[in-house]
Every structure is written in structure tokens, then in C-alpha cells.
Protein backbone atom coordinates (compact mmCIF):
# COMPACT_ATOMS: atom_id res chain seq x y z
CA UNK A 1 15.55 13.23 15.17
CA UNK A 2 16.53 15.85 17.76
CA UNK A 3 19.96 17.39 18.24
CA UNK A 4 21.79 14.37 16.77
CA UNK A 5 20.84 15.45 13.25
CA UNK A 6 23.18 18.20 12.14
CA UNK A 7 22.41 18.31 8.42
CA UNK A 8 20.02 17.17 5.71
CA UNK A 9 20.91 17.31 2.03
CA UNK A 10 18.63 16.67 -0.92
CA UNK A 11 20.81 13.96 -2.44
CA UNK A 12 22.25 12.23 0.66
CA UNK A 13 19.37 12.66 3.12
CA UNK A 14 20.01 12.79 6.87
CA UNK A 15 23.59 12.94 8.08
CA UNK A 16 22.88 10.20 10.63
CA UNK A 17 20.91 8.03 8.20
CA UNK A 18 17.23 7.63 7.25
CA UNK A 19 16.49 6.04 10.63
CA UNK A 20 16.18 9.63 11.91
CA UNK A 21 12.97 9.97 9.91
CA UNK A 22 11.09 7.21 11.71
CA UNK A 23 10.45 8.81 15.13
CA UNK A 24 9.47 12.17 13.65
CA UNK A 25 6.92 10.57 11.33
CA UNK A 26 5.52 8.34 14.07
CA UNK A 27 5.15 11.35 16.36
CA UNK A 28 3.22 13.53 13.91
CA UNK A 29 0.89 10.70 12.93
CA UNK A 30 0.09 9.77 16.53
CA UNK A 31 -0.39 13.37 17.64
CA UNK A 32 -2.64 14.31 14.73
CA UNK A 33 -4.79 11.20 15.09
CA UNK A 34 -5.17 11.82 18.82
CA UNK A 35 -6.27 15.41 18.18
CA UNK A 36 -8.82 14.32 15.58
CA UNK A 37 -10.18 11.57 17.85
CA UNK A 38 -10.97 14.19 20.48
CA UNK A 39 -12.91 16.56 18.19
CA UNK A 40 -16.64 17.01 18.74
CA UNK A 41 -18.69 16.21 15.65
CA UNK A 42 -19.44 19.90 14.94
CA UNK A 43 -15.76 20.87 14.84
CA UNK A 44 -15.05 18.58 11.91
CA UNK A 45 -17.06 20.97 9.74
CA UNK A 46 -15.51 24.12 11.22
CA UNK A 47 -13.25 26.25 9.05
CA UNK A 48 -9.55 25.42 9.12
CA UNK A 49 -6.64 27.79 8.58
CA UNK A 50 -6.66 26.74 4.89
CA UNK A 51 -8.95 29.03 2.90
CA UNK A 52 -12.08 27.20 1.79
CA UNK A 53 -11.25 23.98 3.62
CA UNK A 54 -13.02 22.58 6.65
CA UNK A 55 -11.23 20.63 9.38
CA UNK A 56 -12.45 17.44 7.72
CA UNK A 57 -11.11 18.61 4.34
CA UNK A 58 -7.68 19.09 5.89
CA UNK A 59 -7.84 15.66 7.55
CA UNK A 60 -8.77 14.10 4.21
CA UNK A 61 -5.82 15.87 2.57
CA UNK A 62 -3.47 14.47 5.22
CA UNK A 63 -4.92 11.06 4.41
CA UNK A 64 -4.44 11.67 0.65
CA UNK A 65 -0.74 12.42 1.05
CA UNK A 66 -0.38 9.38 3.32
CA UNK A 67 -1.92 7.28 0.53
CA UNK A 68 0.59 8.69 -1.96
CA UNK A 69 3.45 8.17 0.49
CA UNK A 70 2.68 4.55 1.28
CA UNK A 71 2.21 3.76 -2.40
CA UNK A 72 5.54 5.35 -3.29
CA UNK A 73 7.39 3.59 -0.47
CA UNK A 74 5.93 0.26 -1.62
CA UNK A 75 6.73 0.86 -5.29
CA UNK A 76 3.08 1.15 -6.30
CA UNK A 77 1.60 3.77 -8.66
CA UNK A 78 0.06 6.85 -7.09
CA UNK A 79 -3.65 6.34 -6.32
CA UNK A 80 -4.32 9.71 -7.98
CA UNK A 81 -2.52 9.12 -11.26
CA UNK A 82 0.76 10.33 -12.71
CA UNK A 83 0.00 14.01 -13.37
CA UNK A 84 2.74 16.35 -12.09
CA UNK A 85 2.06 17.78 -8.64
CA UNK A 86 0.77 21.36 -8.62
CA UNK A 87 0.25 22.77 -5.10
CA UNK A 88 -2.38 25.16 -6.43
CA UNK A 89 -4.67 22.48 -7.88
CA UNK A 90 -3.63 18.87 -7.12
CA UNK A 91 -4.79 18.73 -3.47
CA UNK A 92 -8.29 19.95 -4.39
CA UNK A 93 -8.49 17.38 -7.20
CA UNK A 94 -7.51 14.59 -4.81
CA UNK A 95 -10.23 15.61 -2.35
CA UNK A 96 -12.90 14.86 -4.94
CA UNK A 97 -12.11 11.15 -4.57
CA UNK A 98 -13.21 11.14 -0.92
CA UNK A 99 -16.05 13.65 -1.05
CA UNK A 100 -18.82 12.57 1.31
CA UNK A 101 -16.58 10.24 3.32
CA UNK A 102 -17.72 10.09 6.97
CA UNK A 103 -15.29 11.30 9.61
CA UNK A 104 -15.12 7.83 11.12
CA UNK A 105 -13.81 6.47 7.81
CA UNK A 106 -11.21 9.24 7.53
CA UNK A 107 -9.93 8.39 11.02
CA UNK A 108 -9.88 4.67 10.28
CA UNK A 109 -7.91 5.36 7.09
CA UNK A 110 -5.39 7.52 8.94
CA UNK A 111 -4.84 4.86 11.62
CA UNK A 112 -4.37 2.14 9.00
CA UNK A 113 -2.07 4.24 6.84
CA UNK A 114 0.08 5.29 9.81
CA UNK A 115 0.82 1.63 10.51
CA UNK A 116 1.45 0.82 6.86
CA UNK A 117 3.67 3.87 6.51
CA UNK A 118 5.82 2.93 9.52
CA UNK A 119 6.32 -0.59 8.17
CA UNK A 120 7.15 0.72 4.70
CA UNK A 121 9.73 3.18 6.07
CA UNK A 122 11.40 0.32 7.93
CA UNK A 123 11.55 -1.72 4.72
CA UNK A 124 13.03 1.20 2.78
CA UNK A 125 15.71 1.68 5.41
CA UNK A 126 16.72 -1.96 4.91
CA UNK A 127 16.30 -1.89 1.11
CA UNK A 128 16.77 1.67 -0.17
CA UNK A 129 15.93 2.65 -3.77
CA UNK A 130 18.83 2.79 -6.20
CA UNK A 131 17.71 6.03 -7.87
CA UNK A 132 16.83 9.46 -6.55
CA UNK A 133 13.14 10.38 -6.45
CA UNK A 134 11.42 13.47 -7.82
CA UNK A 135 10.03 15.47 -4.91
CA UNK A 136 6.76 17.45 -5.00
CA UNK A 137 8.98 20.55 -5.24
CA UNK A 138 10.48 19.30 -8.54
CA UNK A 139 13.87 18.39 -7.11
CA UNK A 140 15.71 15.06 -7.31
CA UNK A 141 16.07 13.85 -3.73
CA UNK A 142 17.00 10.93 -1.51
CA UNK A 143 13.90 8.90 -0.70
CA UNK A 144 13.99 10.01 2.95
CA UNK A 145 13.78 13.67 1.84
CA UNK A 146 10.66 12.82 -0.17
CA UNK A 147 9.28 11.35 3.07
CA UNK A 148 10.36 14.48 4.94
CA UNK A 149 8.11 16.47 2.61
CA UNK A 150 5.20 14.26 3.69
CA UNK A 151 6.09 14.90 7.34
CA UNK A 152 6.29 18.67 6.76
CA UNK A 153 2.92 18.70 5.00
CA UNK A 154 1.30 16.80 7.89
CA UNK A 155 3.00 19.06 10.44
CA UNK A 156 1.67 22.20 8.75
CA UNK A 157 -1.84 20.82 8.46
CA UNK A 158 -1.93 19.71 12.07
CA UNK A 159 -1.49 23.39 12.93
CA UNK A 160 -4.03 24.41 10.27
CA UNK A 161 -6.59 22.49 12.30
CA UNK A 162 -5.37 23.26 15.81
CA UNK A 163 -4.86 27.01 15.34
CA UNK A 164 -8.28 27.46 13.74
CA UNK A 165 -9.94 25.62 16.62
CA UNK A 166 -7.93 27.42 19.31
CA UNK A 167 -6.22 24.23 20.43
CA UNK A 168 -2.58 24.15 21.53
CA UNK A 169 0.04 22.12 19.69
CA UNK A 170 2.74 20.77 21.99
CA UNK A 171 5.73 20.82 19.66
CA UNK A 172 8.83 18.89 20.69
CA UNK A 173 12.44 19.31 19.65
CA UNK A 174 11.95 16.21 17.53
CA UNK A 175 9.21 17.57 15.29
CA UNK A 176 10.44 21.18 15.29
CA UNK A 177 13.85 20.12 13.99
CA UNK A 178 12.31 18.06 11.21
CA UNK A 179 9.96 20.88 10.21
CA UNK A 180 12.78 23.44 10.16
CA UNK A 181 14.97 21.31 7.91
CA UNK A 182 12.28 20.83 5.30
CA UNK A 183 10.94 24.37 5.51
CA UNK A 184 14.40 25.69 4.64
CA UNK A 185 14.93 23.10 1.91
CA UNK A 186 11.59 24.10 0.41
CA UNK A 187 12.41 27.82 0.59
CA UNK A 188 15.64 27.21 -1.33
CA UNK A 189 14.06 24.99 -4.01
CA UNK A 190 12.36 27.56 -6.31
CA UNK A 191 15.64 29.41 -6.91
CA UNK A 192 17.43 26.15 -7.66
CA UNK A 193 14.99 25.47 -10.51
CA UNK A 194 16.80 28.22 -12.42
CA UNK A 195 20.25 27.36 -11.08
CA UNK A 196 20.32 30.35 -8.69
CA UNK A 197 21.16 28.85 -5.31
CA UNK A 198 20.61 30.53 -1.94
CA UNK A 199 23.41 30.79 0.60
CA UNK A 200 22.29 32.27 3.91
CA UNK A 201 21.98 31.60 7.65
CA UNK A 202 19.35 31.93 10.36
CA UNK A 203 19.12 32.42 14.10
CA UNK A 204 15.75 30.92 15.05
CA UNK A 205 14.22 31.66 18.44
CA UNK A 206 12.66 28.60 20.01
CA UNK A 207 14.51 26.14 17.77
CA UNK A 208 16.43 23.07 18.95
CA UNK A 209 19.76 24.09 17.37
CA UNK A 210 19.58 27.90 17.48
CA UNK A 211 21.33 28.43 14.13
CA UNK A 212 20.78 27.00 10.63
CA UNK A 213 22.43 27.50 7.25
CA UNK A 214 21.29 26.98 3.67
CA UNK A 215 24.17 26.02 1.36
CA UNK A 216 24.80 23.85 -1.67
CA UNK A 217 27.49 21.74 -3.32
CA UNK A 218 26.82 21.70 -7.03
CA UNK A 219 23.07 21.31 -7.35
CA UNK A 220 22.64 19.53 -3.99
CA UNK A 221 21.00 21.83 -1.40
CA UNK A 222 21.99 21.23 2.23
CA UNK A 223 20.61 22.52 5.52
CA UNK A 224 23.11 22.50 8.38
CA UNK A 225 22.20 23.05 12.04
CA UNK A 226 24.37 23.96 14.98
CA UNK A 227 24.95 26.67 17.56
CA UNK A 228 27.57 29.30 16.98
CA UNK A 229 27.08 29.83 13.25
CA UNK A 230 26.94 33.52 12.31
CA UNK A 231 23.39 34.43 11.31
CA UNK A 232 22.24 36.81 8.58
CA UNK A 233 18.53 36.42 9.35
CA UNK A 234 16.54 36.38 12.62
CA UNK A 235 13.07 34.93 13.22
CA UNK A 236 10.79 33.02 15.55
CA UNK A 237 10.80 29.36 14.49
CA UNK A 238 7.09 28.59 14.07
CA UNK A 239 6.33 32.03 12.60
CA UNK A 240 9.00 31.48 9.95
CA UNK A 241 7.84 27.96 9.04
CA UNK A 242 4.25 29.18 8.73
CA UNK A 243 5.17 32.21 6.64
CA UNK A 244 7.37 30.25 4.22
CA UNK A 245 4.39 27.95 3.60
CA UNK A 246 1.87 30.74 3.01
CA UNK A 247 0.42 30.95 6.50
CA UNK A 248 0.28 33.99 8.73
CA UNK A 249 2.27 37.14 8.02
CA UNK A 250 4.44 37.79 4.98
CA UNK A 251 8.13 37.12 5.47
CA UNK A 252 8.82 40.82 5.84
CA UNK A 253 6.75 40.70 9.01
CA UNK A 254 8.50 37.75 10.64
CA UNK A 255 12.07 37.71 9.28
CA UNK A 256 14.68 40.33 10.14
CA UNK A 257 17.62 40.72 7.78
CA UNK A 258 18.73 42.11 4.41
CA UNK A 259 15.68 43.00 2.31
CA UNK A 260 16.95 41.29 -0.83
CA UNK A 261 17.52 37.99 0.99
CA UNK A 262 14.10 38.12 2.67
CA UNK A 263 12.47 38.78 -0.70
CA UNK A 264 14.23 35.81 -2.31
CA UNK A 265 13.11 33.49 0.47
CA UNK A 266 9.49 34.51 -0.17
CA UNK A 267 9.40 32.97 -3.66
CA UNK A 268 7.90 29.66 -2.46
CA UNK A 269 4.94 31.53 -0.98
CA UNK A 270 4.37 33.22 -4.36
CA UNK A 271 4.60 30.20 -6.66
CA UNK A 272 1.89 28.33 -4.82
CA UNK A 273 1.55 26.90 -1.34
CA UNK A 274 -2.11 25.84 -1.16
CA UNK A 275 -2.24 22.32 0.24
CA UNK A 276 1.46 21.64 -0.05
């Protein structure tokens, strides 16, 4: 992904094409699996950063979303049925299907699904869907933006495990850029449900592109990256991504800027971010 990607829009996807998704997804899958492979047995049952979830629960959730992703890419029904996604309840319901699964099986599933996912993404690049897809955030999106949600979810949960266990996460420009794009898309989504679109800009310390903007054309939300854009809001990159998704400090503690804009960006955290 990296600096070549300058924008992502809900309806059109990546400005340089869906091929930009592939390396980011491959990276997060490989890095998470490697981390899990290195865990001592006892740490699988340790508490994660997600309230009430162990490390193994989080790993099973990552596997659940990978199952949903591969099924969707292949045109199959969801393995968990057709009920609308609710971040406050759906992830816990999915976990019931794999209760009691040994850690070795969870790892085997993740390895298998990572390979299937990569192949399915390649096929979708060559044969894209005709219609837009409904995203978990109730927005009509390009299929690659649906997949970007899956990446973002896995990226967050990798940190939910690593931070709780005191393990470092070696983020790269590749995965940081992908996480920023979807974090900002997700922050803008709740307002768009009511037709009230956000227009604002960020200077993010530690980010690949320094500056980012949320805008829209009609009902299509776009995130644009690039140095030199005037910024209304200032934050540290990982602190902002965590806070938007309900981790760490409230936005008022990590985001500097006009109070009304900061408050509007916090809506996603309020409407439900458990297991997103």
C-alpha cells in the first residue's frame, strides 16, 4: 500500500486499484500468525485488551471474520447466517460456534484461511463484483473497502493481544496507512447514516503521509492523504486509531482541535465498537 495510495473512497475503492489491498492483508495475517505461534500455552488464556475476552477469544474472533471474508469473496453465504452485523453482540454470538476449540486448531484455521483469503482476493481483482457490497458499518462500498474493514479489524485485534501481553508490534508504513484510511472512513460513517457528512483534516504524528482529509462527493466518503494539506486536528497516529475504535483514552484525550469536531468524531465509539 504505502505512499503510492493517496485516497480511498467508499464507492471506488483505492485510487491505485484493489491490488493495493493484497500486500497489507498478507502482512497482517503473517504477522499475527507468527505472534500467536510464539505464545506460551498459558498466555493464550491471559486477558486481552478486549473486556471479557482472553487472547484465545480474540484469536478466534480474527478467525471468525476471516471465515466471513473468505465466504463473501467466494460468493458463499456467511457461515454465521444472514442477521445484520451488530458490533455489540454479533462477535460474541460467533464465538459460541468455536467454544472449546484447542489453540492448535485455531492456528491451523488461521493459516488455512490466510491462504484461501489471498487466493480469493486475487480472483476478485481479476473478476470484480458488479454491485456494491454492504459493509459492517452499514454503508454501500466497493468490495475492496469491505476487505479493508476485515484488515482493520485484524489490525486492531493484533494490538489487543500484543499490548495486553506487553509485546511490541512493529508497524510498517504499509499497515499504518491501511489502518488510517479505514479508521477515518469508519469515524465518518455514523454521521453519514443520517446524511450529515464530516469534512475535516488531520495532521497525524508517526503516519506515512503526515496529513489526511475526510471529504465526500454526494454520499461517497473519501479519505485523501498527502503532505501539505492544512490540518484542523492533531493527534498521534496509533493513539487516534485506538481511540476511534474504543480503545485507550477518549478522543478528547488524544485529539487536539475544535471541540465540536472532536465530539462528532467520537460517535463511532459511542454506537458500539466491541469486536468490530
